[in-house]
Protein backbone atom coordinates (compact mmCIF):
# COMPACT_ATOMS: atom_id res chain seq x y z
CA UNK A 1 14.11 99.63 110.82
CA UNK A 2 16.29 96.77 112.33
CA UNK A 3 18.03 94.86 110.01
CA UNK A 4 20.03 91.93 110.07
CA UNK A 5 23.56 91.47 110.23
CA UNK A 6 25.95 88.28 110.12
CA UNK A 7 29.74 89.32 110.59
CA UNK A 8 32.25 86.86 109.54
CA UNK A 9 35.79 86.85 109.02
CA UNK A 10 38.04 84.51 105.97
CA UNK A 11 40.69 82.54 107.51
CA UNK A 12 43.29 81.44 105.51
CA UNK A 13 42.66 78.01 104.72
CA UNK A 14 44.96 75.37 102.44
CA UNK A 15 43.01 72.22 101.76
CA UNK A 16 44.26 69.61 99.23
CA UNK A 17 41.09 67.33 99.59
CA UNK A 18 37.51 68.82 99.00
CA UNK A 19 35.86 65.33 100.16
CA UNK A 20 38.60 65.10 103.75
CA UNK A 21 37.56 68.73 104.31
CA UNK A 22 33.33 67.13 103.64
CA UNK A 23 34.14 64.43 105.50
CA UNK A 24 36.10 66.51 108.95
CA UNK A 25 32.72 68.36 108.57
CA UNK A 26 29.97 66.01 108.47
CA UNK A 27 32.14 63.94 112.06
CA UNK A 28 32.28 67.24 113.62
CA UNK A 29 27.98 67.32 113.24
CA UNK A 30 28.54 70.28 110.35
CA UNK A 31 26.14 68.61 107.87
CA UNK A 32 28.40 70.41 104.90
CA UNK A 33 26.80 70.20 101.44
CA UNK A 34 29.55 70.74 98.24
CA UNK A 35 29.21 72.57 95.61
CA UNK A 36 31.11 71.89 92.88
CA UNK A 37 34.22 74.27 94.37
CA UNK A 38 32.42 75.40 97.60
CA UNK A 39 31.74 73.87 100.33
CA UNK A 40 29.35 75.37 102.31
CA UNK A 41 28.25 74.26 106.45
CA UNK A 42 25.55 77.11 107.78
CA UNK A 43 24.66 79.94 107.46
CA UNK A 44 27.30 82.40 106.86
CA UNK A 45 29.76 80.06 106.85
CA UNK A 46 31.99 78.09 104.17
CA UNK A 47 35.00 78.01 102.48
CA UNK A 48 35.81 78.41 98.87
CA UNK A 49 38.93 79.18 97.08
CA UNK A 50 41.41 79.30 100.12
CA UNK A 51 39.60 80.61 102.17
CA UNK A 52 37.12 79.66 105.29
CA UNK A 53 34.12 82.14 106.37
CA UNK A 54 32.78 81.17 109.78
CA UNK A 55 30.60 84.03 112.51
CA UNK A 56 32.26 86.60 113.80
CA UNK A 57 33.07 84.84 117.30
CA UNK A 58 33.31 81.31 115.92
CA UNK A 59 36.42 81.88 115.62
CA UNK A 60 37.26 78.52 117.57
CA UNK A 61 35.54 76.30 115.14
CA UNK A 62 38.54 77.10 112.40
CA UNK A 63 40.50 75.38 114.48
CA UNK A 64 38.51 72.50 115.37
CA UNK A 65 37.97 71.46 111.43
CA UNK A 66 41.17 72.19 111.21
CA UNK A 67 42.06 69.40 113.78
CA UNK A 68 40.03 66.73 112.52
CA UNK A 69 40.64 67.87 108.29
CA UNK A 70 43.88 66.35 109.51
CA UNK A 71 42.83 63.64 111.64
CA UNK A 72 41.02 62.45 108.34
CA UNK A 73 43.37 62.52 106.06
CA UNK A 74 45.77 60.24 108.41
CA UNK A 75 42.75 58.19 108.17
CA UNK A 76 42.63 58.61 104.69
CA UNK A 77 46.47 58.28 104.14
CA UNK A 78 47.08 55.00 106.31
CA UNK A 79 43.70 53.02 104.86
CA UNK A 80 44.70 53.45 101.30
CA UNK A 81 47.99 51.79 102.85
CA UNK A 82 46.02 49.76 105.04
CA UNK A 83 47.96 50.49 108.11
CA UNK A 84 46.19 50.84 111.11
CA UNK A 85 45.57 54.55 113.05
CA UNK A 86 44.66 55.29 117.04
CA UNK A 87 44.84 57.54 118.90
CA UNK A 88 47.46 57.46 122.04
CA UNK A 89 46.16 61.24 123.45
CA UNK A 90 44.45 64.09 122.66
CA UNK A 91 45.18 65.19 119.57
CA UNK A 92 47.46 62.49 118.96
CA UNK A 93 47.61 59.26 117.04
CA UNK A 94 49.99 56.16 115.12
CA UNK A 95 50.00 55.75 111.84
CA UNK A 96 51.30 51.49 112.33
CA UNK A 97 51.75 49.69 109.35
CA UNK A 98 51.00 46.08 110.12
CA UNK A 99 51.62 42.69 109.17
CA UNK A 100 51.48 40.98 105.54
């Protein structure tokens, strides 16, 4: 009798702020759901206690999540300091202080 299997890969991913992770996942269109310290976003895909778990074969997704988390963190910090953020190239952003 056949049974379904979902193979997953877990990766270490240090996240300082789960709200930023949720914003990053949302920006990627992954529809995250946060329950306490656990964030799920798809079947067998989650973040919990410093571990990102993705389906086997979706390791590239982990890289996309890490890059988008960085982008969202930069935006959040820049916004709190009233700096402007602009993208100057692929995977490159500049945060600049505005005039007062």
